[in-house]
Amino acid sequence: VVKETLRRNVPPGEDDFVERINEAITLAEVHELCGRRDFWCTAPCASEMTGEDLGGTRITLQATKHGGFDFSIRTPGTPKRWASYDAELQYHWEKLISEVQDKDRVRERAAKMFYY
């Protein structure tokens, strides 16, 4: 996900950036390509209800003071995000209730609710 996000956001004037990111193997190489700055990217998460990107988890890369890196997954907790996900989950709950007679649909809907 990190490499894919970086490929979509090539810095101006860095024509070989995609090639270099594809060749990067270590976190240090990725951090170097990003100007030795800590960064995060958001995994895409499309709403079934609206088709819009809800913004999934954030994947972060941060240099530590001991020479290593923290590579983590974080879920941003903002009122806007809570409202978006609340609406999405309400949509799936209503679908689940209407599909309760079909076990396969219930399993599929439950998996979708778990995903969101």
Foldseek 3Di string as FASTA:
>chain_A
DVLVVCVVVDDPPCPCLNVQSVVDDDLVSVCVSVVVAKDKDWDFDAQPVPRDTLTHWIWIWDADPVGRIDTDTGGDDDPVSVVVLVVSLVVLVVVLVVCVVPVVVNVVSVVVSVVD
